[in-house]
Amino acid sequence: MNITANRHKNIRAAQCYNTKSTKLSRLHNDANIITLGSRLLSKKNALNCISIFLKTKFEGGRHTKRIKKI
């Protein structure tokens, strides 16, 4: 899912497998799509990751330069 989504312009999909990877995908990579593996997460953890993904904003700063290269 993640690899296929990232082939499209303006898509920054992140494979999130825990709360830390979810938060960092938004803070540092400005991900705009979350992908979750059903075999890797329980329903409770998946819902928690979605909540964190929606609440976390891009940090900007030193990360902006890297995002512009994409």
N, C-alpha and C. Protein backbone atom coordinates (compact mmCIF):
# COMPACT_ATOMS: atom_id res chain seq x y z
N MET A 1 0.83 -1.18 0.00
CA MET A 1 0.00 0.00 0.00
C MET A 1 0.87 1.25 0.00
N ASN A 2 1.82 1.27 0.89
CA ASN A 2 2.68 2.44 1.07
C ASN A 2 3.49 2.72 -0.19
N ILE A 3 4.12 1.72 -0.74
CA ILE A 3 4.96 1.90 -1.93
C ILE A 3 4.12 2.35 -3.12
N THR A 4 2.99 1.75 -3.32
CA THR A 4 2.12 2.12 -4.43
C THR A 4 1.60 3.54 -4.29
N ALA A 5 1.19 3.92 -3.11
CA ALA A 5 0.66 5.27 -2.88
C ALA A 5 1.73 6.33 -3.15
N ASN A 6 2.97 6.06 -2.77
CA ASN A 6 4.05 7.04 -2.92
C ASN A 6 4.49 7.24 -4.37
N ARG A 7 3.98 6.48 -5.28
CA ARG A 7 4.29 6.67 -6.70
C ARG A 7 3.56 7.88 -7.28
N HIS A 8 2.58 8.37 -6.57
CA HIS A 8 1.75 9.46 -7.07
C HIS A 8 2.24 10.81 -6.53
N LYS A 9 2.13 11.82 -7.36
CA LYS A 9 2.57 13.16 -7.01
C LYS A 9 1.80 13.67 -5.78
N ASN A 10 2.52 14.35 -4.91
CA ASN A 10 1.98 14.97 -3.70
C ASN A 10 1.48 13.99 -2.65
N ILE A 11 1.80 12.73 -2.81
CA ILE A 11 1.44 11.73 -1.81
C ILE A 11 2.69 11.40 -0.99
N ARG A 12 2.55 11.45 0.31
CA ARG A 12 3.61 11.05 1.22
C ARG A 12 2.99 10.06 2.20
N ALA A 13 2.96 8.82 1.79
CA ALA A 13 2.37 7.76 2.61
C ALA A 13 3.41 7.18 3.56
N ALA A 14 2.97 6.81 4.75
CA ALA A 14 3.87 6.23 5.75
C ALA A 14 3.27 4.94 6.28
N GLN A 15 4.12 3.91 6.34
CA GLN A 15 3.73 2.66 6.96
C GLN A 15 3.94 2.82 8.46
N CYS A 16 2.88 2.82 9.21
CA CYS A 16 2.95 3.04 10.66
C CYS A 16 2.63 1.74 11.38
N TYR A 17 3.49 1.39 12.32
CA TYR A 17 3.33 0.13 13.03
C TYR A 17 3.29 0.29 14.54
N ASN A 18 3.45 1.53 15.02
CA ASN A 18 3.28 1.83 16.44
C ASN A 18 3.07 3.34 16.59
N THR A 19 2.85 3.78 17.81
CA THR A 19 2.55 5.20 18.01
C THR A 19 3.75 6.09 17.70
N LYS A 20 4.95 5.62 17.98
CA LYS A 20 6.14 6.43 17.71
C LYS A 20 6.35 6.63 16.21
N SER A 21 6.26 5.56 15.43
CA SER A 21 6.44 5.69 13.98
C SER A 21 5.35 6.57 13.38
N THR A 22 4.16 6.50 13.94
CA THR A 22 3.05 7.32 13.46
C THR A 22 3.33 8.79 13.71
N LYS A 23 3.72 9.12 14.93
CA LYS A 23 3.97 10.51 15.28
C LYS A 23 5.12 11.09 14.46
N LEU A 24 6.20 10.33 14.33
CA LEU A 24 7.36 10.81 13.58
C LEU A 24 7.06 10.95 12.09
N SER A 25 6.17 10.12 11.56
CA SER A 25 5.82 10.24 10.14
C SER A 25 5.17 11.58 9.84
N ARG A 26 4.43 12.10 10.80
CA ARG A 26 3.79 13.42 10.63
C ARG A 26 4.76 14.55 10.98
N LEU A 27 5.45 14.44 12.10
CA LEU A 27 6.35 15.50 12.55
C LEU A 27 7.49 15.75 11.57
N HIS A 28 8.14 14.69 11.11
CA HIS A 28 9.36 14.83 10.32
C HIS A 28 9.14 14.68 8.81
N ASN A 29 8.17 13.90 8.39
CA ASN A 29 8.00 13.62 6.96
C ASN A 29 6.75 14.24 6.37
N ASP A 30 5.95 14.89 7.17
CA ASP A 30 4.70 15.50 6.71
C ASP A 30 3.85 14.51 5.91
N ALA A 31 3.79 13.27 6.40
CA ALA A 31 2.99 12.24 5.73
C ALA A 31 1.53 12.68 5.67
N ASN A 32 0.89 12.41 4.54
CA ASN A 32 -0.52 12.77 4.41
C ASN A 32 -1.42 11.55 4.22
N ILE A 33 -0.81 10.38 4.21
CA ILE A 33 -1.56 9.12 4.15
C ILE A 33 -0.91 8.14 5.12
N ILE A 34 -1.73 7.46 5.88
CA ILE A 34 -1.24 6.44 6.80
C ILE A 34 -1.62 5.07 6.25
N THR A 35 -0.67 4.14 6.31
CA THR A 35 -0.99 2.75 5.95
C THR A 35 -0.69 1.89 7.17
N LEU A 36 -1.56 0.94 7.41
CA LEU A 36 -1.46 0.08 8.58
C LEU A 36 -1.58 -1.38 8.15
N GLY A 37 -0.65 -2.19 8.59
CA GLY A 37 -0.71 -3.61 8.29
C GLY A 37 -1.62 -4.34 9.26
N SER A 38 -2.61 -5.01 8.74
CA SER A 38 -3.58 -5.68 9.62
C SER A 38 -2.96 -6.83 10.41
N ARG A 39 -1.87 -7.39 9.93
CA ARG A 39 -1.22 -8.48 10.65
C ARG A 39 -0.25 -7.97 11.71
N LEU A 40 0.03 -6.67 11.67
CA LEU A 40 1.01 -6.11 12.60
C LEU A 40 0.40 -5.39 13.79
N LEU A 41 -0.86 -4.99 13.67
CA LEU A 41 -1.49 -4.18 14.71
C LEU A 41 -2.83 -4.76 15.15
N SER A 42 -3.10 -4.61 16.41
CA SER A 42 -4.44 -4.94 16.90
C SER A 42 -5.37 -3.80 16.50
N LYS A 43 -6.65 -4.02 16.56
CA LYS A 43 -7.62 -2.97 16.22
C LYS A 43 -7.44 -1.77 17.13
N LYS A 44 -7.22 -2.01 18.41
CA LYS A 44 -7.04 -0.92 19.38
C LYS A 44 -5.82 -0.08 19.04
N ASN A 45 -4.70 -0.72 18.73
CA ASN A 45 -3.49 0.01 18.39
C ASN A 45 -3.63 0.75 17.06
N ALA A 46 -4.32 0.15 16.11
CA ALA A 46 -4.55 0.80 14.82
C ALA A 46 -5.37 2.08 15.00
N LEU A 47 -6.42 2.00 15.80
CA LEU A 47 -7.24 3.18 16.05
C LEU A 47 -6.46 4.27 16.79
N ASN A 48 -5.60 3.85 17.70
CA ASN A 48 -4.74 4.79 18.41
C ASN A 48 -3.78 5.48 17.43
N CYS A 49 -3.20 4.73 16.52
CA CYS A 49 -2.30 5.30 15.51
C CYS A 49 -3.04 6.30 14.62
N ILE A 50 -4.25 5.98 14.23
CA ILE A 50 -5.04 6.88 13.39
C ILE A 50 -5.31 8.18 14.14
N SER A 51 -5.66 8.08 15.39
CA SER A 51 -5.92 9.26 16.21
C SER A 51 -4.67 10.15 16.30
N ILE A 52 -3.53 9.55 16.55
CA ILE A 52 -2.27 10.30 16.63
C ILE A 52 -1.94 10.93 15.29
N PHE A 53 -2.12 10.19 14.22
CA PHE A 53 -1.83 10.69 12.87
C PHE A 53 -2.65 11.94 12.58
N LEU A 54 -3.91 11.93 12.92
CA LEU A 54 -4.79 13.06 12.64
C LEU A 54 -4.51 14.27 13.53
N LYS A 55 -4.01 14.04 14.73
CA LYS A 55 -3.76 15.14 15.67
C LYS A 55 -2.38 15.78 15.53
N THR A 56 -1.43 15.06 14.95
CA THR A 56 -0.05 15.54 14.88
C THR A 56 0.16 16.40 13.64
N LYS A 57 0.81 17.53 13.83
CA LYS A 57 1.10 18.46 12.75
C LYS A 57 2.57 18.38 12.36
N PHE A 58 2.87 18.74 11.12
CA PHE A 58 4.24 18.78 10.61
C PHE A 58 5.06 19.79 11.40
N GLU A 59 6.24 19.38 11.80
CA GLU A 59 7.12 20.21 12.61
C GLU A 59 7.80 21.32 11.79
N GLY A 60 8.01 21.05 10.51
CA GLY A 60 8.66 22.05 9.66
C GLY A 60 10.13 22.17 9.99
N GLY A 61 10.67 23.40 9.96
CA GLY A 61 12.07 23.63 10.31
C GLY A 61 13.02 22.87 9.41
N ARG A 62 13.95 22.15 10.01
CA ARG A 62 14.98 21.44 9.27
C ARG A 62 14.42 20.35 8.36
N HIS A 63 13.20 19.92 8.60
CA HIS A 63 12.60 18.85 7.80
C HIS A 63 12.02 19.37 6.49
N THR A 64 11.71 20.64 6.42
CA THR A 64 11.08 21.23 5.23
C THR A 64 11.97 21.08 4.00
N LYS A 65 13.25 21.28 4.14
CA LYS A 65 14.19 21.18 3.02
C LYS A 65 14.13 19.78 2.37
N ARG A 66 14.09 18.76 3.21
CA ARG A 66 14.02 17.39 2.70
C ARG A 66 12.69 17.11 1.99
N ILE A 67 11.62 17.62 2.53
CA ILE A 67 10.31 17.40 1.93
C ILE A 67 10.24 18.06 0.55
N LYS A 68 10.84 19.22 0.40
CA LYS A 68 10.83 19.93 -0.89
C LYS A 68 11.59 19.17 -1.97
N LYS A 69 12.51 18.28 -1.60
CA LYS A 69 13.27 17.50 -2.56
C LYS A 69 12.46 16.36 -3.17
N ILE A 70 11.39 16.00 -2.54
CA ILE A 70 10.57 14.87 -3.00
C ILE A 70 9.84 15.24 -4.28
